[in-house]
Amino acid sequence: MPGAFWIAHVTVSDDAAYAKYAALATKAIAEHGGEFLARGGRAIQKEGRAHPRNVVARFPSLEAANACYESATYQEALSHAQGASERDLVLVEALD
């Protein structure tokens, strides 16, 4: 079964609330076998709309990535991100 990537582009507007999101999201991602490959850091925007924060996490499967998103822990995390950030998130299956 191929792995998957969780790719998020984020603009944070409330650092304190977003920190609560990040703590819970980190827990949810780990609970579903995810590991961060990029989290913030430098980026060069070549096309599309730039966000100051870019995050990439690897999961064992697309199903695991989706289960993480749907989990109670991640949904609680999202409650802190809403209104504290503008986000684009996509879950992408990796090549075999």
N, C-alpha and C. Protein backbone atom coordinates (compact mmCIF):
# COMPACT_ATOMS: atom_id res chain seq x y z
N MET A 1 0.85 -1.18 0.00
CA MET A 1 0.00 0.00 0.00
C MET A 1 0.90 1.24 0.00
N PRO A 2 0.67 2.16 -0.93
CA PRO A 2 1.50 3.36 -0.97
C PRO A 2 1.23 4.29 0.21
N GLY A 3 2.24 5.03 0.58
CA GLY A 3 2.10 6.03 1.64
C GLY A 3 1.32 7.23 1.12
N ALA A 4 1.30 8.27 1.93
CA ALA A 4 0.57 9.48 1.54
C ALA A 4 1.22 10.69 2.20
N PHE A 5 0.92 11.84 1.64
CA PHE A 5 1.42 13.10 2.16
C PHE A 5 0.26 14.00 2.53
N TRP A 6 0.45 14.75 3.59
CA TRP A 6 -0.47 15.76 4.08
C TRP A 6 0.25 17.07 3.80
N ILE A 7 -0.28 17.89 2.92
CA ILE A 7 0.39 19.12 2.51
C ILE A 7 -0.51 20.29 2.86
N ALA A 8 0.00 21.17 3.72
CA ALA A 8 -0.78 22.32 4.17
C ALA A 8 -0.02 23.61 3.90
N HIS A 9 -0.75 24.61 3.47
CA HIS A 9 -0.23 25.96 3.27
C HIS A 9 -1.05 26.85 4.19
N VAL A 10 -0.38 27.59 5.07
CA VAL A 10 -1.08 28.26 6.17
C VAL A 10 -0.62 29.71 6.34
N THR A 11 -1.58 30.58 6.59
CA THR A 11 -1.31 31.94 7.04
C THR A 11 -1.95 32.06 8.42
N VAL A 12 -1.15 32.30 9.43
CA VAL A 12 -1.62 32.38 10.82
C VAL A 12 -1.95 33.83 11.16
N SER A 13 -3.12 34.03 11.76
CA SER A 13 -3.53 35.37 12.19
C SER A 13 -3.62 35.50 13.71
N ASP A 14 -3.61 34.38 14.43
CA ASP A 14 -3.67 34.39 15.90
C ASP A 14 -2.69 33.34 16.40
N ASP A 15 -1.49 33.78 16.78
CA ASP A 15 -0.43 32.86 17.17
C ASP A 15 -0.79 31.99 18.38
N ALA A 16 -1.45 32.57 19.37
CA ALA A 16 -1.78 31.82 20.59
C ALA A 16 -2.77 30.69 20.29
N ALA A 17 -3.82 31.00 19.56
CA ALA A 17 -4.80 29.97 19.21
C ALA A 17 -4.18 28.92 18.30
N TYR A 18 -3.34 29.36 17.37
CA TYR A 18 -2.74 28.42 16.44
C TYR A 18 -1.75 27.49 17.16
N ALA A 19 -1.12 27.97 18.21
CA ALA A 19 -0.23 27.12 19.00
C ALA A 19 -1.01 25.97 19.63
N LYS A 20 -2.24 26.24 20.07
CA LYS A 20 -3.10 25.17 20.62
C LYS A 20 -3.44 24.17 19.53
N TYR A 21 -3.75 24.68 18.33
CA TYR A 21 -4.01 23.80 17.19
C TYR A 21 -2.78 22.91 16.93
N ALA A 22 -1.60 23.53 16.86
CA ALA A 22 -0.39 22.80 16.49
C ALA A 22 -0.08 21.68 17.49
N ALA A 23 -0.28 21.95 18.77
CA ALA A 23 -0.01 20.92 19.78
C ALA A 23 -0.93 19.72 19.61
N LEU A 24 -2.22 19.97 19.42
CA LEU A 24 -3.17 18.87 19.24
C LEU A 24 -2.99 18.18 17.89
N ALA A 25 -2.71 18.94 16.85
CA ALA A 25 -2.50 18.36 15.53
C ALA A 25 -1.27 17.45 15.52
N THR A 26 -0.22 17.87 16.19
CA THR A 26 0.99 17.05 16.29
C THR A 26 0.67 15.71 16.95
N LYS A 27 -0.13 15.75 17.99
CA LYS A 27 -0.53 14.52 18.69
C LYS A 27 -1.34 13.63 17.75
N ALA A 28 -2.31 14.19 17.07
CA ALA A 28 -3.16 13.40 16.16
C ALA A 28 -2.34 12.79 15.04
N ILE A 29 -1.44 13.56 14.47
CA ILE A 29 -0.61 13.06 13.37
C ILE A 29 0.24 11.88 13.84
N ALA A 30 0.87 12.01 14.99
CA ALA A 30 1.69 10.92 15.54
C ALA A 30 0.84 9.68 15.82
N GLU A 31 -0.36 9.88 16.35
CA GLU A 31 -1.25 8.76 16.67
C GLU A 31 -1.66 7.97 15.42
N HIS A 32 -1.56 8.58 14.26
CA HIS A 32 -1.95 7.92 13.02
C HIS A 32 -0.75 7.55 12.15
N GLY A 33 0.42 7.49 12.77
CA GLY A 33 1.62 7.05 12.06
C GLY A 33 2.25 8.10 11.19
N GLY A 34 1.85 9.35 11.36
CA GLY A 34 2.41 10.43 10.55
C GLY A 34 3.70 10.96 11.12
N GLU A 35 4.54 11.48 10.24
CA GLU A 35 5.77 12.14 10.66
C GLU A 35 5.97 13.39 9.81
N PHE A 36 6.45 14.44 10.43
CA PHE A 36 6.67 15.70 9.72
C PHE A 36 7.93 15.62 8.87
N LEU A 37 7.82 16.09 7.64
CA LEU A 37 8.97 16.22 6.75
C LEU A 37 9.37 17.69 6.61
N ALA A 38 8.39 18.57 6.70
CA ALA A 38 8.63 20.02 6.66
C ALA A 38 7.58 20.67 7.54
N ARG A 39 8.01 21.67 8.27
CA ARG A 39 7.08 22.35 9.19
C ARG A 39 7.55 23.78 9.35
N GLY A 40 7.01 24.65 8.52
CA GLY A 40 7.52 26.02 8.51
C GLY A 40 8.76 26.05 7.64
N GLY A 41 9.77 26.68 8.10
CA GLY A 41 11.02 26.70 7.36
C GLY A 41 10.96 27.57 6.11
N ARG A 42 12.08 27.67 5.46
CA ARG A 42 12.18 28.51 4.27
C ARG A 42 11.48 27.86 3.09
N ALA A 43 10.93 28.70 2.22
CA ALA A 43 10.26 28.22 1.02
C ALA A 43 10.43 29.26 -0.08
N ILE A 44 10.39 28.81 -1.30
CA ILE A 44 10.41 29.69 -2.46
C ILE A 44 9.12 29.44 -3.23
N GLN A 45 8.24 30.41 -3.25
CA GLN A 45 6.96 30.29 -3.95
C GLN A 45 7.18 30.53 -5.43
N LYS A 46 6.87 29.56 -6.26
CA LYS A 46 7.06 29.68 -7.69
C LYS A 46 5.77 29.95 -8.45
N GLU A 47 4.66 29.40 -7.97
CA GLU A 47 3.38 29.60 -8.63
C GLU A 47 2.29 29.65 -7.57
N GLY A 48 1.16 30.21 -7.94
CA GLY A 48 0.03 30.26 -7.02
C GLY A 48 0.22 31.29 -5.93
N ARG A 49 -0.61 31.17 -4.91
CA ARG A 49 -0.64 32.13 -3.81
C ARG A 49 0.24 31.64 -2.67
N ALA A 50 1.10 32.48 -2.19
CA ALA A 50 2.03 32.12 -1.11
C ALA A 50 1.35 32.19 0.25
N HIS A 51 1.74 31.28 1.12
CA HIS A 51 1.41 31.31 2.54
C HIS A 51 2.74 31.27 3.29
N PRO A 52 2.83 31.96 4.41
CA PRO A 52 4.10 32.00 5.13
C PRO A 52 4.51 30.67 5.75
N ARG A 53 3.56 29.77 5.97
CA ARG A 53 3.87 28.50 6.64
C ARG A 53 3.44 27.35 5.74
N ASN A 54 4.36 26.42 5.51
CA ASN A 54 4.08 25.23 4.70
C ASN A 54 4.45 24.01 5.52
N VAL A 55 3.57 23.01 5.49
CA VAL A 55 3.77 21.81 6.30
C VAL A 55 3.57 20.59 5.42
N VAL A 56 4.49 19.63 5.56
CA VAL A 56 4.36 18.35 4.86
C VAL A 56 4.56 17.25 5.88
N ALA A 57 3.61 16.33 5.94
CA ALA A 57 3.74 15.16 6.81
C ALA A 57 3.54 13.91 5.95
N ARG A 58 4.25 12.85 6.30
CA ARG A 58 4.13 11.58 5.59
C ARG A 58 3.35 10.60 6.47
N PHE A 59 2.43 9.88 5.86
CA PHE A 59 1.62 8.86 6.54
C PHE A 59 1.83 7.51 5.86
N PRO A 60 1.53 6.43 6.56
CA PRO A 60 1.71 5.11 5.95
C PRO A 60 0.73 4.83 4.80
N SER A 61 -0.38 5.54 4.76
CA SER A 61 -1.36 5.34 3.68
C SER A 61 -2.29 6.56 3.61
N LEU A 62 -2.98 6.67 2.50
CA LEU A 62 -3.98 7.74 2.35
C LEU A 62 -5.09 7.55 3.37
N GLU A 63 -5.43 6.30 3.64
CA GLU A 63 -6.47 6.01 4.64
C GLU A 63 -6.04 6.48 6.02
N ALA A 64 -4.78 6.29 6.38
CA ALA A 64 -4.28 6.75 7.69
C ALA A 64 -4.30 8.27 7.77
N ALA A 65 -3.93 8.93 6.68
CA ALA A 65 -3.95 10.41 6.66
C ALA A 65 -5.38 10.91 6.83
N ASN A 66 -6.31 10.28 6.14
CA ASN A 66 -7.71 10.69 6.23
C ASN A 66 -8.29 10.38 7.61
N ALA A 67 -7.93 9.22 8.17
CA ALA A 67 -8.40 8.87 9.51
C ALA A 67 -7.88 9.89 10.53
N CYS A 68 -6.66 10.38 10.33
CA CYS A 68 -6.12 11.42 11.22
C CYS A 68 -7.00 12.65 11.13
N TYR A 69 -7.27 13.10 9.92
CA TYR A 69 -8.09 14.32 9.74
C TYR A 69 -9.45 14.16 10.39
N GLU A 70 -10.05 12.99 10.26
CA GLU A 70 -11.39 12.75 10.77
C GLU A 70 -11.43 12.44 12.27
N SER A 71 -10.26 12.23 12.89
CA SER A 71 -10.21 11.82 14.29
C SER A 71 -10.71 12.93 15.23
N ALA A 72 -11.16 12.51 16.39
CA ALA A 72 -11.64 13.46 17.40
C ALA A 72 -10.53 14.42 17.82
N THR A 73 -9.32 13.92 17.95
CA THR A 73 -8.20 14.77 18.36
C THR A 73 -7.94 15.85 17.33
N TYR A 74 -7.93 15.48 16.04
CA TYR A 74 -7.66 16.49 15.02
C TYR A 74 -8.83 17.46 14.88
N GLN A 75 -10.04 16.97 15.01
CA GLN A 75 -11.19 17.87 14.93
C GLN A 75 -11.17 18.88 16.07
N GLU A 76 -10.71 18.45 17.24
CA GLU A 76 -10.55 19.39 18.35
C GLU A 76 -9.47 20.42 18.01
N ALA A 77 -8.37 19.94 17.41
CA ALA A 77 -7.31 20.86 16.98
C ALA A 77 -7.86 21.90 16.01
N LEU A 78 -8.67 21.46 15.05
CA LEU A 78 -9.24 22.37 14.06
C LEU A 78 -10.06 23.47 14.69
N SER A 79 -10.69 23.17 15.81
CA SER A 79 -11.51 24.20 16.47
C SER A 79 -10.65 25.39 16.89
N HIS A 80 -9.35 25.16 17.11
CA HIS A 80 -8.44 26.25 17.46
C HIS A 80 -7.89 26.96 16.22
N ALA A 81 -7.80 26.25 15.11
CA ALA A 81 -7.26 26.83 13.87
C ALA A 81 -8.28 27.72 13.17
N GLN A 82 -9.56 27.36 13.29
CA GLN A 82 -10.60 28.14 12.63
C GLN A 82 -10.67 29.53 13.24
N GLY A 83 -10.57 30.52 12.40
CA GLY A 83 -10.56 31.90 12.88
C GLY A 83 -9.17 32.37 13.27
N ALA A 84 -8.22 31.45 13.38
CA ALA A 84 -6.86 31.80 13.75
C ALA A 84 -5.90 31.64 12.58
N SER A 85 -6.43 31.13 11.45
CA SER A 85 -5.58 30.89 10.30
C SER A 85 -6.42 30.75 9.04
N GLU A 86 -5.74 30.95 7.93
CA GLU A 86 -6.31 30.64 6.62
C GLU A 86 -5.47 29.49 6.10
N ARG A 87 -6.11 28.40 5.70
CA ARG A 87 -5.37 27.18 5.37
C ARG A 87 -5.87 26.53 4.10
N ASP A 88 -4.96 25.92 3.41
CA ASP A 88 -5.26 25.01 2.31
C ASP A 88 -4.62 23.68 2.71
N LEU A 89 -5.35 22.60 2.61
CA LEU A 89 -4.84 21.28 2.99
C LEU A 89 -5.26 20.26 1.96
N VAL A 90 -4.31 19.44 1.54
CA VAL A 90 -4.61 18.35 0.62
C VAL A 90 -3.90 17.09 1.12
N LEU A 91 -4.58 15.97 0.98
CA LEU A 91 -4.00 14.66 1.29
C LEU A 91 -3.72 13.99 -0.05
N VAL A 92 -2.49 13.55 -0.28
CA VAL A 92 -2.07 13.05 -1.58
C VAL A 92 -1.43 11.68 -1.44
N GLU A 93 -1.91 10.72 -2.20
CA GLU A 93 -1.29 9.39 -2.18
C GLU A 93 0.06 9.44 -2.88
N ALA A 94 1.04 8.80 -2.28
CA ALA A 94 2.39 8.76 -2.85
C ALA A 94 2.46 7.72 -3.98
N LEU A 95 3.48 7.83 -4.78
CA LEU A 95 3.72 6.80 -5.79
C LEU A 95 4.11 5.52 -5.10
N ASP A 96 3.76 4.41 -5.69
CA ASP A 96 4.08 3.10 -5.14
C ASP A 96 5.57 2.86 -5.10
